[in-house]
């Protein structure tokens, strides 16, 4: 399955496919205020329904070659930390590759999203999947914006209530030097 980082790892994290067994571990994310809005999910759905919607999307991506989120597992404890991956998205009628990242609330502000996003960026450009990579986040999601900026991305444009940040392969190569 192209774009998935299954079997990859970082200093603290292992990447694997998301499974149905992860559902209960992921549910607390949707109990947090604003998460549905930040992820573009119907805020009138219950947290369970939002999580169900998310999982259906993940498996749809897997089944249709649209990349997808990888489960992030703590190397030392085996604990489920969150999800991150390379996703095929359509933005302004253009198909693009995005780094998506979401972390379980109890692991927020520990650097996991950035660590995983950097791995996805490097993996993408090293495997020559695209010459321009993006991350999208709700305009009020300051945490995700900070991750994108720290991942070397710059503001590209606003699409409805979402910001698009991006980095080109040339920019990535110059940052490595």
Protein backbone atom coordinates (compact mmCIF):
# COMPACT_ATOMS: atom_id res chain seq x y z
CA UNK A 1 0.00 0.00 0.00
CA UNK A 2 1.71 3.08 -1.31
CA UNK A 3 2.36 5.99 1.06
CA UNK A 4 1.97 3.93 4.26
CA UNK A 5 4.90 3.85 6.68
CA UNK A 6 4.14 0.39 8.06
CA UNK A 7 7.24 -0.96 9.81
CA UNK A 8 8.98 2.44 9.92
CA UNK A 9 10.10 4.02 13.19
CA UNK A 10 11.50 7.14 14.83
CA UNK A 11 13.48 7.56 18.01
CA UNK A 12 10.40 6.93 20.19
CA UNK A 13 7.73 5.58 17.83
CA UNK A 14 6.90 2.56 15.69
CA UNK A 15 4.48 2.89 12.75
CA UNK A 16 1.91 0.20 11.95
CA UNK A 17 -1.49 -0.07 10.29
CA UNK A 18 -4.51 1.10 12.27
CA UNK A 19 -6.71 -1.85 13.32
CA UNK A 20 -10.24 -2.14 14.71
CA UNK A 21 -8.67 -2.99 18.07
CA UNK A 22 -7.42 0.63 18.23
CA UNK A 23 -10.97 2.03 18.30
CA UNK A 24 -11.37 2.22 22.11
CA UNK A 25 -7.88 3.73 22.43
CA UNK A 26 -8.75 6.43 19.88
CA UNK A 27 -12.20 7.30 21.25
CA UNK A 28 -10.92 9.74 23.95
CA UNK A 29 -9.73 12.09 21.19
CA UNK A 30 -13.33 12.75 20.18
CA UNK A 31 -14.36 13.51 23.76
CA UNK A 32 -12.13 16.61 23.66
CA UNK A 33 -13.66 19.99 22.91
CA UNK A 34 -13.10 21.30 19.35
CA UNK A 35 -11.56 18.07 17.97
CA UNK A 36 -14.48 17.34 15.63
CA UNK A 37 -14.32 20.92 14.33
CA UNK A 38 -10.55 20.71 13.88
CA UNK A 39 -10.89 17.44 11.94
CA UNK A 40 -13.82 18.59 9.82
CA UNK A 41 -16.19 16.01 11.35
CA UNK A 42 -19.88 16.70 12.06
CA UNK A 43 -19.93 18.17 15.56
CA UNK A 44 -23.51 16.94 16.10
CA UNK A 45 -22.36 13.32 16.09
CA UNK A 46 -21.59 11.62 19.39
CA UNK A 47 -17.91 10.97 20.20
CA UNK A 48 -18.51 7.29 19.36
CA UNK A 49 -20.03 8.22 15.98
CA UNK A 50 -17.17 10.63 15.25
CA UNK A 51 -14.63 7.92 16.00
CA UNK A 52 -16.58 5.50 13.83
CA UNK A 53 -16.57 8.07 10.99
CA UNK A 54 -12.78 8.47 11.42
CA UNK A 55 -12.12 4.72 11.30
CA UNK A 56 -14.32 4.30 8.22
CA UNK A 57 -12.24 7.01 6.53
CA UNK A 58 -8.96 5.33 7.53
CA UNK A 59 -10.03 1.96 6.14
CA UNK A 60 -11.49 3.56 2.99
CA UNK A 61 -8.07 5.12 2.33
CA UNK A 62 -6.32 1.79 2.86
CA UNK A 63 -8.75 -0.01 0.53
CA UNK A 64 -8.53 2.60 -2.23
CA UNK A 65 -4.79 3.37 -2.37
CA UNK A 66 -5.20 6.84 -0.89
CA UNK A 67 -2.43 6.50 1.67
CA UNK A 68 -3.56 6.69 5.23
CA UNK A 69 -2.91 7.15 8.85
CA UNK A 70 -0.50 4.85 10.64
CA UNK A 71 -0.91 3.95 14.30
CA UNK A 72 1.92 5.41 16.37
CA UNK A 73 3.14 3.04 19.08
CA UNK A 74 5.57 3.95 21.86
CA UNK A 75 8.67 1.80 21.36
CA UNK A 76 9.32 1.39 25.07
CA UNK A 77 5.83 0.84 26.48
CA UNK A 78 3.84 -0.43 23.46
CA UNK A 79 1.26 2.26 24.21
CA UNK A 80 -0.93 3.67 21.43
CA UNK A 81 0.12 7.34 21.05
CA UNK A 82 -1.90 8.51 18.05
CA UNK A 83 -1.98 8.45 14.26
CA UNK A 84 0.08 10.03 11.50
CA UNK A 85 0.50 9.41 7.81
CA UNK A 86 0.60 10.47 4.19
CA UNK A 87 -2.85 11.09 2.75
CA UNK A 88 -4.03 11.76 -0.79
CA UNK A 89 -6.27 14.84 -0.57
CA UNK A 90 -8.08 16.98 -3.11
CA UNK A 91 -7.60 20.69 -2.44
CA UNK A 92 -9.08 23.25 -4.82
CA UNK A 93 -9.68 20.46 -7.36
CA UNK A 94 -6.01 19.41 -7.24
CA UNK A 95 -4.84 16.04 -5.91
CA UNK A 96 -2.10 16.57 -3.31
CA UNK A 97 -0.22 14.55 -0.72
CA UNK A 98 -0.70 15.63 2.88
CA UNK A 99 0.93 14.79 6.20
CA UNK A 100 -1.91 14.22 8.63
CA UNK A 101 -1.35 13.86 12.37
CA UNK A 102 -3.50 13.44 15.46
CA UNK A 103 -2.33 12.47 18.92
CA UNK A 104 -4.27 11.02 21.86
CA UNK A 105 -5.04 13.81 24.37
CA UNK A 106 -2.94 12.34 27.18
CA UNK A 107 0.11 12.57 24.90
CA UNK A 108 -0.37 16.14 23.68
CA UNK A 109 2.57 18.56 23.97
CA UNK A 110 5.22 15.83 24.16
CA UNK A 111 6.58 16.27 20.62
CA UNK A 112 5.06 13.09 19.16
CA UNK A 113 3.17 14.83 16.34
CA UNK A 114 6.31 16.65 15.19
CA UNK A 115 8.47 13.54 15.46
CA UNK A 116 6.02 11.52 13.36
CA UNK A 117 5.38 14.35 10.87
CA UNK A 118 9.12 14.80 10.25
CA UNK A 119 9.40 11.06 9.58
CA UNK A 120 6.50 11.26 7.09
CA UNK A 121 8.05 14.26 5.32
CA UNK A 122 11.44 12.59 4.99
CA UNK A 123 9.89 9.29 3.90
CA UNK A 124 7.80 11.05 1.26
CA UNK A 125 10.67 12.96 -0.31
CA UNK A 126 13.18 10.09 -0.01
CA UNK A 127 10.72 7.85 -1.91
CA UNK A 128 9.98 10.64 -4.42
CA UNK A 129 6.20 10.47 -3.94
CA UNK A 130 5.76 14.18 -4.74
CA UNK A 131 7.65 17.43 -5.21
CA UNK A 132 5.35 19.36 -2.86
CA UNK A 133 3.92 18.14 0.42
CA UNK A 134 1.29 19.85 2.55
CA UNK A 135 -0.48 19.78 5.89
CA UNK A 136 -3.96 21.19 6.41
CA UNK A 137 -5.42 22.30 9.71
CA UNK A 138 -8.43 24.20 10.96
CA UNK A 139 -7.62 27.90 11.33
CA UNK A 140 -8.16 27.66 15.11
CA UNK A 141 -5.89 24.62 15.57
CA UNK A 142 -2.76 26.42 16.74
CA UNK A 143 -1.06 23.19 17.89
CA UNK A 144 -1.23 21.62 14.43
CA UNK A 145 -0.08 24.86 12.83
CA UNK A 146 2.99 24.90 15.09
CA UNK A 147 3.80 21.30 14.09
CA UNK A 148 3.61 22.23 10.40
CA UNK A 149 5.86 25.27 10.90
CA UNK A 150 8.39 23.28 12.95
CA UNK A 151 8.32 20.67 10.19
CA UNK A 152 9.71 23.29 7.80
CA UNK A 153 6.40 24.15 6.14
CA UNK A 154 5.22 27.65 5.34
CA UNK A 155 1.75 29.10 4.93
CA UNK A 156 0.47 28.60 1.40
CA UNK A 157 -3.21 29.59 1.48
CA UNK A 158 -6.54 29.39 3.26
CA UNK A 159 -9.26 27.08 1.93
CA UNK A 160 -12.57 27.76 3.68
CA UNK A 161 -11.85 27.34 7.41
CA UNK A 162 -8.54 25.49 6.89
CA UNK A 163 -4.97 26.66 6.43
CA UNK A 164 -2.70 24.89 3.98
CA UNK A 165 1.01 24.78 4.85
CA UNK A 166 3.48 23.24 2.42
CA UNK A 167 7.09 22.44 1.68
CA UNK A 168 8.71 21.64 -1.66
CA UNK A 169 11.28 18.93 -2.17
CA UNK A 170 13.82 21.66 -3.04
CA UNK A 171 13.12 23.44 0.27
CA UNK A 172 13.45 20.12 2.12
CA UNK A 173 16.80 19.45 0.45
CA UNK A 174 18.12 22.91 1.35
CA UNK A 175 17.01 22.45 4.98
CA UNK A 176 18.99 19.19 5.21
CA UNK A 177 22.24 20.93 4.34
